[in-house]
Amino acid sequence: MSDLTQDGFLDGRLLIAQPVRGYRSGADAVMLAAACSAERGQSVLELGCGAGVASLCLGWRVPDLRLTGLERQANYADLARQNAQANGIAMRVITGDLAAMPAELRAESYDHVIANPPYFLNGTCASDDGRTEARHEQTALSLWVDAALRRLRPDGRVTLIHRADRLDAILAGLGARAGAIVVLPIAARPGREAGRVIVTARKGARTPLRLLAPLITHQAPSHLRDGEDLSQQSADILRAGRRINLG
């Protein structure tokens, strides 16, 4: 893949190569990593890992994880491998489709599965095919949730980030197969509706759902000036690599 930029994540602690005109990960991938409660020595599978941003942010925060990424687009899978090597974080990346799970992954189970599924059901597609495939839902969200649950060991945890208006589909996909569900709404500014949600659930658990107070990403009610105005909590996550504690 040509025409790449080297983008700093976690205040430059990670340098990630991403395509200039293709799909480019941002704050959502960092927040997904921050919400994963993986501990040293555990295994983590990322479905649709792209260039590897979420897994590598998680690997930077928690040492000695067994990281695996699954990515359908071969050029992005190659980028994820290169980014892992360049940042000194061990990560196995498998090229394949979660809707036709590769045999080597079907034989494995994980402590954690994380995913940032494509957000858009319809609308104008990007001119770049890779960006379109990463942003527009070609595999149903229910299949993403099903694939995550199938790859989890008993009592393992799935963590997803998605648009707030798809929360119903995520909960329907989890059904009776997972519990201890925690929903964290994410709103851009005080007083605004949540545009994103982070959802985490434990396979086989039966404890009730918890809805947390929203995470507000920017301090001011509106954009008042040029420059970044992240809330302190958001800055701790996006710049310092702090964990989002979902309890």
Protein backbone atom coordinates (compact mmCIF):
# COMPACT_ATOMS: atom_id res chain seq x y z
CA MET A 1 0.00 0.00 0.00
CA SER A 2 1.50 3.33 -1.09
CA ASP A 3 0.76 6.90 0.08
CA LEU A 4 0.93 6.31 3.81
CA THR A 5 1.15 8.70 6.72
CA GLN A 6 2.80 8.03 10.06
CA ASP A 7 0.22 8.99 12.66
CA GLY A 8 0.88 9.41 16.36
CA PHE A 9 -1.48 7.77 18.85
CA LEU A 10 -1.40 8.05 22.64
CA ASP A 11 0.41 11.38 22.39
CA GLY A 12 3.01 9.90 20.03
CA ARG A 13 3.77 6.81 22.09
CA LEU A 14 2.67 4.75 19.08
CA LEU A 15 3.42 5.59 15.45
CA ILE A 16 0.96 3.94 13.10
CA ALA A 17 1.18 3.83 9.32
CA GLN A 18 -2.21 4.50 7.71
CA PRO A 19 -3.31 5.14 4.12
CA VAL A 20 -3.73 8.73 3.01
CA ARG A 21 -6.94 8.04 1.11
CA GLY A 22 -8.18 4.80 2.70
CA TYR A 23 -9.76 4.03 6.06
CA ARG A 24 -8.02 5.80 8.93
CA SER A 25 -8.61 4.88 12.57
CA GLY A 26 -9.09 7.59 15.15
CA ALA A 27 -10.47 8.18 18.63
CA ASP A 28 -12.98 5.31 18.50
CA ALA A 29 -10.21 2.71 18.14
CA VAL A 30 -8.32 4.22 21.09
CA MET A 31 -11.46 4.22 23.24
CA LEU A 32 -12.19 0.61 22.30
CA ALA A 33 -8.73 -0.37 23.52
CA ALA A 34 -9.19 1.66 26.69
CA ALA A 35 -12.47 -0.11 27.48
CA CYS A 36 -11.02 -3.62 27.24
CA SER A 37 -10.29 -5.02 30.70
CA ALA A 38 -7.62 -7.49 29.53
CA GLU A 39 -4.89 -8.30 32.03
CA ARG A 40 -1.30 -9.38 31.57
CA GLY A 41 -1.00 -12.86 30.07
CA GLN A 42 -4.54 -12.99 28.66
CA SER A 43 -5.57 -13.52 25.03
CA VAL A 44 -7.36 -10.91 22.92
CA LEU A 45 -8.90 -11.23 19.45
CA GLU A 46 -9.82 -8.12 17.46
CA LEU A 47 -12.36 -8.66 14.69
CA GLY A 48 -11.74 -6.32 11.77
CA CYS A 49 -8.46 -4.97 13.09
CA GLY A 50 -7.66 -2.70 10.13
CA ALA A 51 -4.17 -1.26 10.49
CA GLY A 52 -4.03 -2.51 14.09
CA VAL A 53 -4.64 0.70 16.05
CA ALA A 54 -6.97 -0.66 18.75
CA SER A 55 -4.97 -3.82 19.42
CA LEU A 56 -1.68 -1.94 19.51
CA CYS A 57 -3.04 0.71 21.89
CA LEU A 58 -4.18 -2.14 24.14
CA GLY A 59 -0.82 -3.89 23.79
CA TRP A 60 0.98 -0.68 24.73
CA ARG A 61 -1.12 -0.32 27.92
CA VAL A 62 -1.06 -3.98 28.99
CA PRO A 63 2.21 -5.88 28.44
CA ASP A 64 2.46 -9.59 27.60
CA LEU A 65 -0.94 -9.96 25.98
CA ARG A 66 -1.49 -12.61 23.32
CA LEU A 67 -2.91 -10.35 20.61
CA THR A 68 -4.56 -11.65 17.46
CA GLY A 69 -6.20 -9.58 14.74
CA LEU A 70 -8.54 -10.74 11.99
CA GLU A 71 -8.80 -8.51 8.93
CA ARG A 72 -10.60 -9.18 5.65
CA GLN A 73 -8.63 -6.70 3.52
CA ALA A 74 -5.16 -8.10 2.84
CA ASN A 75 -3.49 -4.70 2.46
CA TYR A 76 -4.74 -3.54 5.86
CA ALA A 77 -3.72 -6.86 7.43
CA ASP A 78 -0.21 -6.30 6.05
CA LEU A 79 -0.20 -2.79 7.54
CA ALA A 80 -1.23 -4.17 10.94
CA ARG A 81 1.68 -6.63 10.86
CA GLN A 82 4.10 -3.85 9.90
CA ASN A 83 2.75 -1.51 12.58
CA ALA A 84 3.05 -4.18 15.25
CA GLN A 85 6.66 -4.85 14.31
CA ALA A 86 7.52 -1.14 14.07
CA ASN A 87 6.13 -0.51 17.57
CA GLY A 88 7.68 -3.58 19.15
CA ILE A 89 4.35 -5.17 20.12
CA ALA A 90 3.76 -8.85 19.40
CA MET A 91 0.56 -9.32 17.38
CA ARG A 92 -0.53 -12.13 15.11
CA VAL A 93 -2.65 -10.92 12.18
CA ILE A 94 -4.75 -13.32 10.12
CA THR A 95 -6.25 -12.36 6.78
CA GLY A 96 -9.81 -13.64 6.62
CA ASP A 97 -13.51 -12.94 6.92
CA LEU A 98 -15.39 -13.24 10.21
CA ALA A 99 -18.42 -14.47 8.28
CA ALA A 100 -16.33 -17.44 7.13
CA MET A 101 -14.08 -17.76 10.17
CA PRO A 102 -10.62 -19.15 9.32
CA ALA A 103 -10.11 -22.68 10.62
CA GLU A 104 -7.18 -21.71 12.82
CA LEU A 105 -9.39 -19.25 14.70
CA ARG A 106 -12.33 -21.65 14.93
CA ALA A 107 -10.03 -23.94 16.90
CA GLU A 108 -9.21 -21.21 19.45
CA SER A 109 -10.98 -19.36 22.24
CA TYR A 110 -10.05 -16.06 23.83
CA ASP A 111 -10.32 -14.20 27.12
CA HIS A 112 -11.44 -11.05 25.26
CA VAL A 113 -12.84 -10.18 21.85
CA ILE A 114 -12.96 -6.54 20.76
CA ALA A 115 -14.44 -4.94 17.65
CA ASN A 116 -15.30 -1.62 16.02
CA PRO A 117 -17.76 -2.81 13.34
CA PRO A 118 -18.55 -0.63 10.29
CA TYR A 119 -20.94 2.16 11.25
CA PHE A 120 -22.98 2.92 8.13
CA LEU A 121 -25.89 0.93 6.76
CA ASN A 122 -26.32 3.13 3.68
CA GLY A 123 -25.40 6.53 2.30
CA THR A 124 -22.74 7.71 -0.11
CA CYS A 125 -19.78 5.37 -0.40
CA ALA A 126 -16.22 6.68 -0.37
CA SER A 127 -14.23 6.70 -3.59
CA ASP A 128 -11.66 4.42 -1.95
CA ASP A 129 -12.85 0.79 -1.81
CA GLY A 130 -10.92 0.04 1.38
CA ARG A 131 -12.52 2.99 3.17
CA THR A 132 -15.98 1.94 1.96
CA GLU A 133 -15.50 -1.64 3.16
CA ALA A 134 -14.33 -0.49 6.58
CA ARG A 135 -17.12 2.07 7.07
CA HIS A 136 -20.20 0.49 5.42
CA GLU A 137 -21.85 -2.59 6.89
CA GLN A 138 -21.46 -5.47 4.45
CA THR A 139 -21.60 -8.15 7.16
CA ALA A 140 -24.62 -7.79 9.45
CA LEU A 141 -23.90 -6.48 12.94
CA SER A 142 -25.60 -9.59 14.35
CA LEU A 143 -22.90 -11.71 12.70
CA TRP A 144 -20.15 -9.59 14.30
CA VAL A 145 -21.69 -10.18 17.73
CA ASP A 146 -22.20 -13.88 17.03
CA ALA A 147 -18.61 -14.31 15.83
CA ALA A 148 -17.31 -12.55 18.95
CA LEU A 149 -19.33 -14.75 21.31
CA ARG A 150 -18.30 -17.94 19.50
CA ARG A 151 -14.62 -17.10 19.91
CA LEU A 152 -14.89 -16.31 23.62
CA ARG A 153 -14.09 -18.85 26.30
CA PRO A 154 -16.78 -19.30 28.99
CA ASP A 155 -16.88 -16.15 31.14
CA GLY A 156 -14.81 -14.28 28.52
CA ARG A 157 -15.66 -10.68 27.72
CA VAL A 158 -16.69 -8.96 24.48
CA THR A 159 -16.20 -5.20 24.05
CA LEU A 160 -17.68 -3.22 21.15
CA ILE A 161 -17.86 0.43 20.13
CA HIS A 162 -20.58 1.54 17.76
CA ARG A 163 -23.14 4.22 16.99
CA ALA A 164 -25.65 4.82 19.77
CA ASP A 165 -28.58 4.11 17.43
CA ARG A 166 -27.33 0.53 16.93
CA LEU A 167 -27.44 -0.32 20.63
CA ASP A 168 -30.66 -2.25 20.15
CA ALA A 169 -29.05 -4.49 17.52
CA ILE A 170 -26.05 -5.16 19.77
CA LEU A 171 -28.25 -6.10 22.72
CA ALA A 172 -30.40 -8.31 20.51
CA GLY A 173 -27.27 -10.07 19.26
CA LEU A 174 -26.05 -10.71 22.79
CA GLY A 175 -29.45 -12.10 23.76
CA ALA A 176 -29.33 -14.73 26.49
CA ARG A 177 -25.78 -15.77 25.58
CA ALA A 178 -24.09 -13.03 27.62
CA GLY A 179 -24.83 -10.93 30.67
CA ALA A 180 -23.14 -8.47 33.01
CA ILE A 181 -23.72 -6.01 30.16
CA VAL A 182 -22.34 -2.51 30.70
CA VAL A 183 -23.26 0.35 28.36
CA LEU A 184 -21.19 3.54 28.33
CA PRO A 185 -22.70 6.35 26.22
CA ILE A 186 -20.21 8.75 24.63
CA ALA A 187 -21.30 12.32 23.94
CA ALA A 188 -19.23 14.93 22.14
CA ARG A 189 -20.14 17.82 24.46
CA PRO A 190 -22.11 18.54 27.65
CA GLY A 191 -25.84 18.46 27.01
CA ARG A 192 -25.52 16.63 23.69
CA GLU A 193 -27.05 13.25 22.92
CA ALA A 194 -24.68 10.31 22.86
CA GLY A 195 -23.39 9.54 19.37
CA ARG A 196 -21.46 6.42 20.32
CA VAL A 197 -21.75 3.62 22.87
CA ILE A 198 -19.23 1.22 24.27
CA VAL A 199 -20.82 -2.10 25.19
CA THR A 200 -19.14 -4.84 27.16
CA ALA A 201 -20.63 -8.19 28.19
CA ARG A 202 -19.49 -11.46 29.76
CA LYS A 203 -20.27 -14.76 28.05
CA GLY A 204 -22.66 -16.90 30.08
CA ALA A 205 -23.20 -14.32 32.83
CA ARG A 206 -26.67 -13.56 34.16
CA THR A 207 -26.22 -10.34 36.13
CA PRO A 208 -28.34 -7.33 35.07
CA LEU A 209 -27.43 -4.63 32.56
CA ARG A 210 -25.84 -1.42 33.85
CA LEU A 211 -26.13 1.93 32.06
CA LEU A 212 -23.33 4.30 33.05
CA ALA A 213 -23.19 8.07 33.08
CA PRO A 214 -21.93 9.37 29.71
CA LEU A 215 -18.32 10.01 28.87
CA ILE A 216 -18.07 13.60 27.57
CA THR A 217 -15.22 14.03 25.11
CA HIS A 218 -15.01 17.85 24.93
CA GLN A 219 -15.21 20.44 27.70
CA ALA A 220 -17.21 23.30 26.20
CA PRO A 221 -20.87 23.13 25.13
CA SER A 222 -19.80 24.24 21.63
CA HIS A 223 -16.59 24.66 19.63
CA LEU A 224 -15.39 28.12 20.67
CA ARG A 225 -11.88 28.35 19.27
CA ASP A 226 -9.28 26.61 17.19
CA GLY A 227 -7.39 23.87 18.98
CA GLU A 228 -8.20 20.88 21.08
CA ASP A 229 -10.61 21.18 24.01
CA LEU A 230 -10.78 17.62 25.27
CA SER A 231 -12.28 16.94 28.67
CA GLN A 232 -9.77 15.74 31.25
CA GLN A 233 -11.17 12.19 31.19
CA SER A 234 -11.02 12.10 27.41
CA ALA A 235 -7.47 13.45 27.37
CA ASP A 236 -6.41 10.83 29.90
CA ILE A 237 -7.77 8.13 27.56
CA LEU A 238 -6.72 9.47 24.16
CA ARG A 239 -3.39 11.03 25.11
CA ALA A 240 -2.16 9.16 28.19
CA GLY A 241 -3.58 5.74 27.34
CA ARG A 242 -5.60 5.37 30.54
CA ARG A 243 -8.12 2.59 30.90
CA ILE A 244 -11.87 3.25 30.90
CA ASN A 245 -13.05 1.49 34.04
CA LEU A 246 -16.40 -0.11 33.30
CA GLY A 247 -16.55 -1.94 36.61
